[in-house]
């Protein structure tokens, strides 16, 4: 079934079954979708606002230009999404323990998000901006971080030897996190 330009803001307005549904230019507001099986679903130019998607299952879900505003997304495995056309943006979201595996996140925006203990593995993040994000214990490995802007984020730790970091932007307070593997003691 296809849904176009609709707002879903009450539990009784969402479909009883998510599988194989298509949503285009839809808005989802203040919904508790924690643990939901949103598999095989397509979201095109959609927006989620103030939704709880903790541990939501997104296997083979298509996310084309989807934005999340003030959403809870801990433990969501975005690596299970359909990779074709994948593009997401996050603002003021909780992405703790989320997984991004083999995702193309070129020019995505992560703004004022908590991204603690998440995993970015084998991703293409060229031109992505992490603005004012808490990246505490987040793992970055085997990624293309070219031109990524980390300059306003904090608690960053990554190994420049296992990631491509050409022209990535860092601030002085990010430098200790770039040297963690060397077990150095850095003082002010």
N, C-alpha and C. Protein backbone atom coordinates (compact mmCIF):
# COMPACT_ATOMS: atom_id res chain seq x y z
N UNK A 1 0.85 -1.18 0.00
CA UNK A 1 0.00 0.00 0.00
C UNK A 1 0.89 1.24 0.00
N UNK A 2 0.45 2.29 -0.65
CA UNK A 2 1.22 3.51 -0.73
C UNK A 2 0.53 4.64 0.04
N UNK A 3 1.36 5.43 0.75
CA UNK A 3 0.87 6.59 1.48
C UNK A 3 1.64 7.80 0.98
N UNK A 4 0.95 8.87 0.65
CA UNK A 4 1.59 10.07 0.12
C UNK A 4 1.15 11.30 0.89
N UNK A 5 2.15 12.11 1.33
CA UNK A 5 1.89 13.41 1.96
C UNK A 5 0.88 13.30 3.11
N UNK A 6 1.12 12.36 4.00
CA UNK A 6 0.23 12.19 5.15
C UNK A 6 1.02 12.40 6.44
N UNK A 7 0.31 12.77 7.49
CA UNK A 7 0.90 12.91 8.81
C UNK A 7 0.35 11.80 9.69
N UNK A 8 1.27 11.10 10.33
CA UNK A 8 0.90 10.04 11.27
C UNK A 8 1.31 10.50 12.65
N UNK A 9 0.33 10.82 13.50
CA UNK A 9 0.65 11.35 14.83
C UNK A 9 -0.14 10.69 15.95
N UNK A 10 -0.88 9.68 15.62
CA UNK A 10 -1.62 8.91 16.62
C UNK A 10 -1.36 7.43 16.38
N UNK A 11 -1.26 6.64 17.45
CA UNK A 11 -0.99 5.21 17.25
C UNK A 11 -1.99 4.52 16.34
N UNK A 12 -3.24 4.96 16.34
CA UNK A 12 -4.24 4.30 15.50
C UNK A 12 -4.18 4.73 14.03
N UNK A 13 -3.33 5.73 13.71
CA UNK A 13 -3.22 6.17 12.31
C UNK A 13 -2.13 5.40 11.54
N UNK A 14 -1.23 4.74 12.26
CA UNK A 14 -0.16 4.02 11.57
C UNK A 14 -0.68 2.66 11.08
N UNK A 15 -0.11 2.17 10.02
CA UNK A 15 -0.58 0.88 9.49
C UNK A 15 -0.38 -0.25 10.50
N UNK A 16 -1.28 -1.19 10.49
CA UNK A 16 -1.16 -2.35 11.39
C UNK A 16 0.05 -3.19 11.03
N UNK A 17 0.45 -3.14 9.75
CA UNK A 17 1.58 -3.92 9.27
C UNK A 17 2.47 -2.99 8.45
N UNK A 18 3.79 -2.97 8.79
CA UNK A 18 4.74 -2.09 8.11
C UNK A 18 5.32 -2.73 6.86
N UNK A 19 5.43 -4.03 6.82
CA UNK A 19 6.14 -4.71 5.73
C UNK A 19 5.55 -4.34 4.37
N UNK A 20 6.47 -4.04 3.44
CA UNK A 20 6.12 -3.78 2.05
C UNK A 20 5.21 -2.56 1.85
N UNK A 21 5.24 -1.62 2.78
CA UNK A 21 4.49 -0.37 2.62
C UNK A 21 5.41 0.67 2.00
N UNK A 22 4.85 1.69 1.36
CA UNK A 22 5.64 2.77 0.81
C UNK A 22 5.07 4.10 1.29
N UNK A 23 5.96 4.93 1.87
CA UNK A 23 5.58 6.24 2.38
C UNK A 23 6.40 7.29 1.65
N UNK A 24 5.72 8.27 1.07
CA UNK A 24 6.44 9.35 0.39
C UNK A 24 5.94 10.69 0.93
N UNK A 25 6.90 11.55 1.29
CA UNK A 25 6.65 12.87 1.84
C UNK A 25 5.69 12.81 3.04
N UNK A 26 5.88 11.82 3.88
CA UNK A 26 5.05 11.66 5.07
C UNK A 26 5.80 12.14 6.31
N UNK A 27 5.02 12.51 7.32
CA UNK A 27 5.57 12.96 8.60
C UNK A 27 5.05 12.02 9.68
N UNK A 28 5.98 11.58 10.54
CA UNK A 28 5.64 10.72 11.67
C UNK A 28 5.97 11.50 12.93
N UNK A 29 4.98 11.73 13.80
CA UNK A 29 5.18 12.57 14.97
C UNK A 29 4.78 11.85 16.25
N UNK A 30 5.68 11.93 17.24
CA UNK A 30 5.42 11.47 18.60
C UNK A 30 4.86 10.05 18.66
N UNK A 31 5.44 9.17 17.88
CA UNK A 31 5.00 7.77 17.87
C UNK A 31 6.01 6.90 18.61
N UNK A 32 5.51 5.93 19.33
CA UNK A 32 6.38 4.94 19.98
C UNK A 32 6.47 3.73 19.05
N UNK A 33 7.58 3.65 18.35
CA UNK A 33 7.82 2.54 17.42
C UNK A 33 8.95 1.66 17.93
N UNK A 34 9.19 1.69 19.22
CA UNK A 34 10.28 0.91 19.79
C UNK A 34 10.03 -0.58 19.55
N UNK A 35 11.07 -1.24 19.05
CA UNK A 35 10.98 -2.67 18.78
C UNK A 35 10.13 -3.03 17.57
N UNK A 36 9.65 -2.06 16.83
CA UNK A 36 8.79 -2.33 15.67
C UNK A 36 9.57 -3.03 14.56
N UNK A 37 8.90 -3.92 13.86
CA UNK A 37 9.48 -4.59 12.70
C UNK A 37 9.08 -3.80 11.45
N UNK A 38 9.94 -2.86 11.07
CA UNK A 38 9.68 -2.00 9.93
C UNK A 38 10.53 -2.54 8.78
N UNK A 39 10.21 -3.72 8.33
CA UNK A 39 11.05 -4.41 7.35
C UNK A 39 10.45 -4.31 5.95
N UNK A 40 11.34 -4.14 4.96
CA UNK A 40 10.90 -4.09 3.57
C UNK A 40 10.07 -2.86 3.25
N UNK A 41 10.11 -1.86 4.09
CA UNK A 41 9.31 -0.65 3.92
C UNK A 41 10.14 0.41 3.19
N UNK A 42 9.49 1.28 2.43
CA UNK A 42 10.17 2.38 1.74
C UNK A 42 9.71 3.71 2.33
N UNK A 43 10.69 4.54 2.69
CA UNK A 43 10.42 5.90 3.15
C UNK A 43 11.16 6.84 2.20
N UNK A 44 10.42 7.70 1.50
CA UNK A 44 11.01 8.61 0.54
C UNK A 44 10.64 10.04 0.95
N UNK A 45 11.67 10.87 1.18
CA UNK A 45 11.44 12.26 1.60
C UNK A 45 10.50 12.35 2.80
N UNK A 46 10.76 11.52 3.81
CA UNK A 46 9.91 11.50 5.00
C UNK A 46 10.64 12.12 6.19
N UNK A 47 9.87 12.48 7.21
CA UNK A 47 10.44 13.07 8.42
C UNK A 47 9.82 12.40 9.65
N UNK A 48 10.70 12.04 10.59
CA UNK A 48 10.28 11.51 11.88
C UNK A 48 10.59 12.57 12.93
N UNK A 49 9.60 12.95 13.73
CA UNK A 49 9.77 13.96 14.77
C UNK A 49 9.35 13.39 16.12
N UNK A 50 10.24 13.50 17.11
CA UNK A 50 9.93 13.09 18.48
C UNK A 50 9.43 11.65 18.57
N UNK A 51 9.96 10.77 17.75
CA UNK A 51 9.54 9.36 17.75
C UNK A 51 10.55 8.51 18.51
N UNK A 52 10.06 7.43 19.09
CA UNK A 52 10.92 6.46 19.76
C UNK A 52 11.04 5.24 18.85
N UNK A 53 12.24 5.04 18.29
CA UNK A 53 12.50 3.90 17.42
C UNK A 53 13.55 2.97 18.04
N UNK A 54 13.65 2.97 19.36
CA UNK A 54 14.62 2.13 20.05
C UNK A 54 14.47 0.68 19.60
N UNK A 55 15.59 0.10 19.17
CA UNK A 55 15.64 -1.31 18.73
C UNK A 55 14.68 -1.63 17.58
N UNK A 56 14.29 -0.65 16.80
CA UNK A 56 13.43 -0.92 15.63
C UNK A 56 14.21 -1.76 14.63
N UNK A 57 13.54 -2.69 14.02
CA UNK A 57 14.15 -3.59 13.02
C UNK A 57 13.91 -3.00 11.63
N UNK A 58 15.00 -2.64 10.95
CA UNK A 58 14.89 -1.98 9.65
C UNK A 58 15.43 -2.85 8.51
N UNK A 59 15.31 -4.12 8.61
CA UNK A 59 15.87 -5.02 7.60
C UNK A 59 15.26 -4.74 6.23
N UNK A 60 16.14 -4.47 5.26
CA UNK A 60 15.77 -4.20 3.87
C UNK A 60 14.84 -2.99 3.72
N UNK A 61 14.85 -2.09 4.69
CA UNK A 61 14.05 -0.87 4.64
C UNK A 61 14.79 0.17 3.81
N UNK A 62 14.07 0.89 2.96
CA UNK A 62 14.67 1.93 2.12
C UNK A 62 14.47 3.28 2.79
N UNK A 63 15.57 3.98 3.02
CA UNK A 63 15.52 5.32 3.61
C UNK A 63 16.13 6.30 2.60
N UNK A 64 15.27 6.93 1.80
CA UNK A 64 15.70 7.91 0.80
C UNK A 64 15.40 9.30 1.33
N UNK A 65 16.42 10.08 1.63
CA UNK A 65 16.23 11.45 2.12
C UNK A 65 15.25 11.50 3.29
N UNK A 66 15.59 10.77 4.33
CA UNK A 66 14.76 10.73 5.53
C UNK A 66 15.46 11.51 6.63
N UNK A 67 14.71 12.37 7.31
CA UNK A 67 15.28 13.14 8.41
C UNK A 67 14.61 12.74 9.72
N UNK A 68 15.44 12.74 10.77
CA UNK A 68 14.98 12.39 12.11
C UNK A 68 15.25 13.59 13.00
N UNK A 69 14.22 14.08 13.69
CA UNK A 69 14.34 15.23 14.57
C UNK A 69 13.89 14.83 15.97
N UNK A 70 14.79 14.98 16.94
CA UNK A 70 14.52 14.66 18.35
C UNK A 70 13.98 13.23 18.52
N UNK A 71 14.56 12.29 17.81
CA UNK A 71 14.12 10.89 17.90
C UNK A 71 15.09 10.07 18.74
N UNK A 72 14.56 9.02 19.32
CA UNK A 72 15.38 8.04 20.03
C UNK A 72 15.59 6.86 19.09
N UNK A 73 16.88 6.58 18.79
CA UNK A 73 17.22 5.50 17.87
C UNK A 73 18.32 4.60 18.42
N UNK A 74 18.39 4.39 19.75
CA UNK A 74 19.46 3.52 20.23
C UNK A 74 19.28 2.08 19.74
N UNK A 75 20.42 1.43 19.51
CA UNK A 75 20.48 0.03 19.11
C UNK A 75 19.89 -0.23 17.72
N UNK A 76 19.68 0.79 16.91
CA UNK A 76 19.17 0.58 15.56
C UNK A 76 20.34 0.23 14.65
N UNK A 77 20.18 -0.84 13.88
CA UNK A 77 21.22 -1.28 12.95
C UNK A 77 20.88 -0.81 11.55
N UNK A 78 21.44 0.35 11.18
CA UNK A 78 21.20 0.91 9.86
C UNK A 78 21.92 0.11 8.77
N UNK A 79 22.82 -0.77 9.17
CA UNK A 79 23.51 -1.64 8.21
C UNK A 79 22.58 -2.66 7.59
N UNK A 80 21.42 -2.87 8.17
CA UNK A 80 20.45 -3.81 7.63
C UNK A 80 19.53 -3.17 6.60
N UNK A 81 19.57 -1.85 6.49
CA UNK A 81 18.71 -1.15 5.52
C UNK A 81 19.15 -1.45 4.10
N UNK A 82 18.24 -1.25 3.19
CA UNK A 82 18.56 -1.36 1.78
C UNK A 82 19.56 -0.25 1.45
N UNK A 83 20.71 -0.57 0.85
CA UNK A 83 21.72 0.45 0.60
C UNK A 83 21.39 1.40 -0.55
N UNK A 84 20.49 1.02 -1.45
CA UNK A 84 20.21 1.82 -2.63
C UNK A 84 19.55 3.14 -2.25
N UNK A 85 20.19 4.26 -2.57
CA UNK A 85 19.63 5.58 -2.32
C UNK A 85 19.62 6.00 -0.86
N UNK A 86 20.29 5.24 -0.01
CA UNK A 86 20.28 5.51 1.43
C UNK A 86 20.81 6.92 1.72
N UNK A 87 19.99 7.76 2.33
CA UNK A 87 20.44 9.07 2.79
C UNK A 87 19.57 9.50 3.97
N UNK A 88 20.25 9.79 5.10
CA UNK A 88 19.55 10.16 6.33
C UNK A 88 20.24 11.37 6.96
N UNK A 89 19.48 12.15 7.71
CA UNK A 89 19.99 13.26 8.51
C UNK A 89 19.36 13.16 9.89
N UNK A 90 20.14 13.57 10.90
CA UNK A 90 19.68 13.48 12.29
C UNK A 90 19.91 14.81 12.99
N UNK A 91 18.92 15.27 13.73
CA UNK A 91 19.07 16.48 14.53
C UNK A 91 18.49 16.22 15.92
N UNK A 92 19.33 16.48 16.93
CA UNK A 92 18.95 16.31 18.33
C UNK A 92 18.42 14.89 18.61
N UNK A 93 19.08 13.91 18.04
CA UNK A 93 18.65 12.52 18.20
C UNK A 93 19.58 11.76 19.13
N UNK A 94 19.05 10.70 19.69
CA UNK A 94 19.85 9.77 20.48
C UNK A 94 20.13 8.55 19.60
N UNK A 95 21.41 8.38 19.24
CA UNK A 95 21.83 7.29 18.38
C UNK A 95 22.82 6.38 19.10
N UNK A 96 22.74 6.32 20.42
CA UNK A 96 23.66 5.50 21.19
C UNK A 96 23.53 4.04 20.77
N UNK A 97 24.67 3.38 20.61
CA UNK A 97 24.76 1.96 20.26
C UNK A 97 24.23 1.64 18.86
N UNK A 98 24.01 2.66 18.03
CA UNK A 98 23.55 2.42 16.66
C UNK A 98 24.69 1.86 15.82
N UNK A 99 24.35 1.20 14.74
CA UNK A 99 25.35 0.60 13.85
C UNK A 99 25.13 1.11 12.43
N UNK A 100 26.21 1.60 11.84
CA UNK A 100 26.23 2.00 10.44
C UNK A 100 27.32 1.15 9.79
N UNK A 101 26.94 0.14 9.05
CA UNK A 101 27.88 -0.79 8.41
C UNK A 101 27.67 -0.73 6.91
N UNK A 102 28.76 -0.46 6.18
CA UNK A 102 28.70 -0.39 4.71
C UNK A 102 27.64 0.59 4.22
N UNK A 103 27.54 1.74 4.84
CA UNK A 103 26.55 2.74 4.43
C UNK A 103 27.23 3.91 3.72
N UNK A 104 26.57 4.42 2.71
CA UNK A 104 27.01 5.65 2.07
C UNK A 104 26.26 6.78 2.76
N UNK A 105 26.99 7.58 3.49
CA UNK A 105 26.41 8.69 4.25
C UNK A 105 26.97 10.02 3.77
N UNK A 106 27.26 10.11 2.48
CA UNK A 106 27.86 11.34 1.93
C UNK A 106 26.97 12.53 2.23
N UNK A 107 27.61 13.56 2.80
CA UNK A 107 26.96 14.83 3.09
C UNK A 107 25.76 14.71 4.03
N UNK A 108 25.73 13.69 4.85
CA UNK A 108 24.69 13.60 5.87
C UNK A 108 25.00 14.58 6.98
N UNK A 109 24.00 14.90 7.77
CA UNK A 109 24.18 15.82 8.91
C UNK A 109 23.74 15.13 10.20
N UNK A 110 24.65 15.18 11.16
CA UNK A 110 24.37 14.74 12.52
C UNK A 110 24.53 16.00 13.37
N UNK A 111 23.45 16.56 13.87
CA UNK A 111 23.50 17.83 14.58
C UNK A 111 22.97 17.67 16.01
N UNK A 112 23.82 18.01 16.98
CA UNK A 112 23.48 17.96 18.41
C UNK A 112 22.91 16.59 18.81
N UNK A 113 23.58 15.55 18.38
CA UNK A 113 23.14 14.18 18.67
C UNK A 113 24.04 13.52 19.71
N UNK A 114 23.45 12.60 20.44
CA UNK A 114 24.22 11.70 21.30
C UNK A 114 24.48 10.44 20.48
N UNK A 115 25.75 10.20 20.16
CA UNK A 115 26.13 9.04 19.34
C UNK A 115 27.16 8.25 20.13
N UNK A 116 26.80 7.83 21.32
CA UNK A 116 27.72 7.15 22.22
C UNK A 116 27.76 5.65 21.92
N UNK A 117 28.97 5.12 21.89
CA UNK A 117 29.22 3.68 21.69
C UNK A 117 28.57 3.14 20.41
N UNK A 118 28.46 3.99 19.41
CA UNK A 118 27.94 3.57 18.10
C UNK A 118 29.09 3.02 17.27
N UNK A 119 28.78 2.44 16.13
CA UNK A 119 29.79 1.88 15.23
C UNK A 119 29.57 2.40 13.82
N UNK A 120 30.61 3.01 13.26
CA UNK A 120 30.66 3.39 11.86
C UNK A 120 31.76 2.53 11.24
N UNK A 121 31.38 1.53 10.47
CA UNK A 121 32.32 0.57 9.92
C UNK A 121 32.15 0.47 8.41
N UNK A 122 33.24 0.68 7.69
CA UNK A 122 33.25 0.56 6.23
C UNK A 122 32.22 1.49 5.57
N UNK A 123 32.12 2.71 6.08
CA UNK A 123 31.16 3.67 5.55
C UNK A 123 31.85 4.73 4.72
N UNK A 124 31.10 5.29 3.79
CA UNK A 124 31.57 6.43 3.03
C UNK A 124 30.86 7.66 3.60
N UNK A 125 31.63 8.47 4.35
CA UNK A 125 31.08 9.63 5.04
C UNK A 125 31.58 10.95 4.45
N UNK A 126 32.05 10.95 3.22
CA UNK A 126 32.63 12.13 2.60
C UNK A 126 31.69 13.33 2.74
N UNK A 127 32.23 14.42 3.30
CA UNK A 127 31.47 15.66 3.42
C UNK A 127 30.41 15.67 4.50
N UNK A 128 30.36 14.65 5.31
CA UNK A 128 29.38 14.59 6.40
C UNK A 128 29.76 15.56 7.51
N UNK A 129 28.77 16.09 8.20
CA UNK A 129 29.02 17.01 9.31
C UNK A 129 28.49 16.41 10.61
N UNK A 130 29.37 16.32 11.59
CA UNK A 130 29.00 15.95 12.96
C UNK A 130 29.09 17.25 13.77
N UNK A 131 27.98 17.91 14.00
CA UNK A 131 27.97 19.21 14.67
C UNK A 131 27.48 19.07 16.10
N UNK A 132 28.35 19.40 17.04
CA UNK A 132 28.02 19.40 18.47
C UNK A 132 27.48 18.03 18.92
N UNK A 133 28.13 16.97 18.47
CA UNK A 133 27.71 15.61 18.82
C UNK A 133 28.63 15.02 19.88
N UNK A 134 28.05 14.24 20.78
CA UNK A 134 28.83 13.46 21.75
C UNK A 134 29.17 12.13 21.10
N UNK A 135 30.45 11.90 20.83
CA UNK A 135 30.91 10.69 20.15
C UNK A 135 31.66 9.77 21.11
N UNK A 136 31.30 9.80 22.37
CA UNK A 136 31.99 9.03 23.40
C UNK A 136 31.98 7.54 23.07
N UNK A 137 33.16 6.96 22.98
CA UNK A 137 33.39 5.54 22.73
C UNK A 137 32.81 5.03 21.41
N UNK A 138 32.51 5.95 20.49
CA UNK A 138 32.04 5.54 19.17
C UNK A 138 33.23 5.05 18.36
N UNK A 139 33.03 3.95 17.66
CA UNK A 139 34.10 3.32 16.90
C UNK A 139 33.98 3.70 15.43
N UNK A 140 35.09 4.21 14.89
CA UNK A 140 35.20 4.52 13.47
C UNK A 140 36.31 3.62 12.92
N UNK A 141 35.98 2.74 11.98
CA UNK A 141 36.99 1.84 11.43
C UNK A 141 36.73 1.59 9.95
N UNK A 142 37.79 1.74 9.15
CA UNK A 142 37.76 1.46 7.71
C UNK A 142 36.72 2.31 6.98
N UNK A 143 36.67 3.60 7.34
CA UNK A 143 35.72 4.53 6.73
C UNK A 143 36.45 5.53 5.84
N UNK A 144 35.71 6.13 4.92
CA UNK A 144 36.20 7.29 4.18
C UNK A 144 35.63 8.51 4.89
N UNK A 145 36.49 9.18 5.66
CA UNK A 145 36.10 10.36 6.42
C UNK A 145 36.61 11.65 5.77
N UNK A 146 36.88 11.59 4.47
CA UNK A 146 37.37 12.77 3.75
C UNK A 146 36.38 13.91 3.88
N UNK A 147 36.90 15.08 4.22
CA UNK A 147 36.13 16.30 4.34
C UNK A 147 35.02 16.25 5.39
N UNK A 148 35.08 15.29 6.31
CA UNK A 148 34.10 15.24 7.40
C UNK A 148 34.42 16.36 8.39
N UNK A 149 33.39 16.98 8.92
CA UNK A 149 33.57 18.06 9.90
C UNK A 149 33.25 17.54 11.30
N UNK A 150 34.32 17.31 12.08
CA UNK A 150 34.20 16.91 13.49
C UNK A 150 34.51 18.09 14.42
N UNK A 151 34.72 19.28 13.89
CA UNK A 151 35.32 20.38 14.64
C UNK A 151 34.54 20.82 15.88
N UNK A 152 33.24 20.62 15.92
CA UNK A 152 32.48 21.04 17.10
C UNK A 152 32.02 19.86 17.95
N UNK A 153 32.33 18.65 17.54
CA UNK A 153 31.92 17.47 18.32
C UNK A 153 32.97 17.16 19.37
N UNK A 154 32.62 16.32 20.31
CA UNK A 154 33.50 16.05 21.43
C UNK A 154 33.51 14.57 21.78
N UNK A 155 34.52 14.19 22.57
CA UNK A 155 34.77 12.79 22.97
C UNK A 155 35.09 11.90 21.78
N UNK A 156 35.64 12.48 20.75
CA UNK A 156 35.99 11.73 19.54
C UNK A 156 37.26 10.91 19.75
N UNK A 157 37.20 9.65 19.34
CA UNK A 157 38.37 8.79 19.29
C UNK A 157 38.33 8.03 17.97
N UNK A 158 39.37 8.21 17.19
CA UNK A 158 39.46 7.41 15.96
C UNK A 158 40.92 7.28 15.57
N UNK A 159 41.21 6.24 14.86
CA UNK A 159 42.57 5.97 14.41
C UNK A 159 42.71 6.44 12.96
N UNK A 160 43.51 7.50 12.74
CA UNK A 160 43.70 7.99 11.37
C UNK A 160 44.35 6.97 10.44
N UNK A 161 44.98 5.94 11.00
CA UNK A 161 45.62 4.92 10.18
C UNK A 161 44.64 3.90 9.63
N UNK A 162 43.46 3.78 10.23
CA UNK A 162 42.47 2.81 9.76
C UNK A 162 41.26 3.49 9.11
N UNK A 163 41.35 4.80 8.92
CA UNK A 163 40.31 5.58 8.26
C UNK A 163 40.97 6.56 7.30
N UNK A 164 40.30 6.87 6.20
CA UNK A 164 40.80 7.90 5.30
C UNK A 164 40.29 9.24 5.85
N UNK A 165 41.23 10.14 6.21
CA UNK A 165 40.84 11.39 6.86
C UNK A 165 41.29 12.64 6.09
N UNK A 166 41.53 12.52 4.82
CA UNK A 166 42.02 13.64 4.03
C UNK A 166 41.04 14.83 4.10
N UNK A 167 41.58 15.97 4.51
CA UNK A 167 40.84 17.23 4.63
C UNK A 167 39.67 17.17 5.60
N UNK A 168 39.68 16.20 6.51
CA UNK A 168 38.67 16.19 7.58
C UNK A 168 38.99 17.32 8.54
N UNK A 169 37.96 17.89 9.16
CA UNK A 169 38.14 19.03 10.05
C UNK A 169 38.01 18.58 11.51
N UNK A 170 39.03 18.96 12.29
CA UNK A 170 39.08 18.66 13.71
C UNK A 170 39.41 19.94 14.46
N UNK A 171 39.04 19.99 15.72
CA UNK A 171 39.46 21.12 16.55
C UNK A 171 40.62 20.66 17.43
N UNK A 172 41.25 21.60 18.10
CA UNK A 172 42.36 21.24 19.00
C UNK A 172 41.91 20.26 20.08
N UNK A 173 40.69 20.43 20.58
CA UNK A 173 40.25 19.50 21.64
C UNK A 173 39.98 18.09 21.11
N UNK A 174 39.91 17.90 19.79
CA UNK A 174 39.77 16.55 19.19
C UNK A 174 41.09 15.80 19.12
N UNK A 175 42.22 16.52 19.15
CA UNK A 175 43.52 15.88 18.91
C UNK A 175 43.84 14.73 19.85
N UNK A 176 43.57 14.83 21.16
CA UNK A 176 43.86 13.66 22.00
C UNK A 176 43.16 12.37 21.53
N UNK A 177 41.93 12.51 21.00
CA UNK A 177 41.21 11.34 20.51
C UNK A 177 41.80 10.75 19.24
N UNK A 178 42.59 11.54 18.53
CA UNK A 178 43.26 11.03 17.33
C UNK A 178 44.57 10.32 17.67
N UNK A 179 45.04 10.53 18.89
CA UNK A 179 46.32 9.95 19.32
C UNK A 179 46.14 8.83 20.34
N UNK A 180 44.91 8.42 20.61
CA UNK A 180 44.62 7.41 21.64
C UNK A 180 45.42 6.13 21.46
N UNK A 181 45.56 5.66 20.25
CA UNK A 181 46.25 4.39 20.01
C UNK A 181 47.70 4.41 20.46
N UNK A 182 48.28 5.62 20.60
CA UNK A 182 49.67 5.73 21.00
C UNK A 182 49.84 5.77 22.53
N UNK A 183 48.74 5.75 23.28
CA UNK A 183 48.77 5.74 24.74
C UNK A 183 49.64 6.88 25.30
N UNK A 184 49.44 8.07 24.73
CA UNK A 184 50.18 9.23 25.17
C UNK A 184 49.44 9.93 26.31
N UNK A 185 50.17 10.63 27.15
CA UNK A 185 49.57 11.46 28.17
C UNK A 185 49.69 12.90 27.69
N UNK A 186 48.56 13.54 27.45
CA UNK A 186 48.55 14.89 26.92
C UNK A 186 48.04 15.83 28.00
N UNK A 187 48.78 16.88 28.28
CA UNK A 187 48.38 17.85 29.30
C UNK A 187 48.21 19.21 28.65
N UNK A 188 47.52 20.09 29.36
CA UNK A 188 47.31 21.46 28.86
C UNK A 188 48.38 22.36 29.38
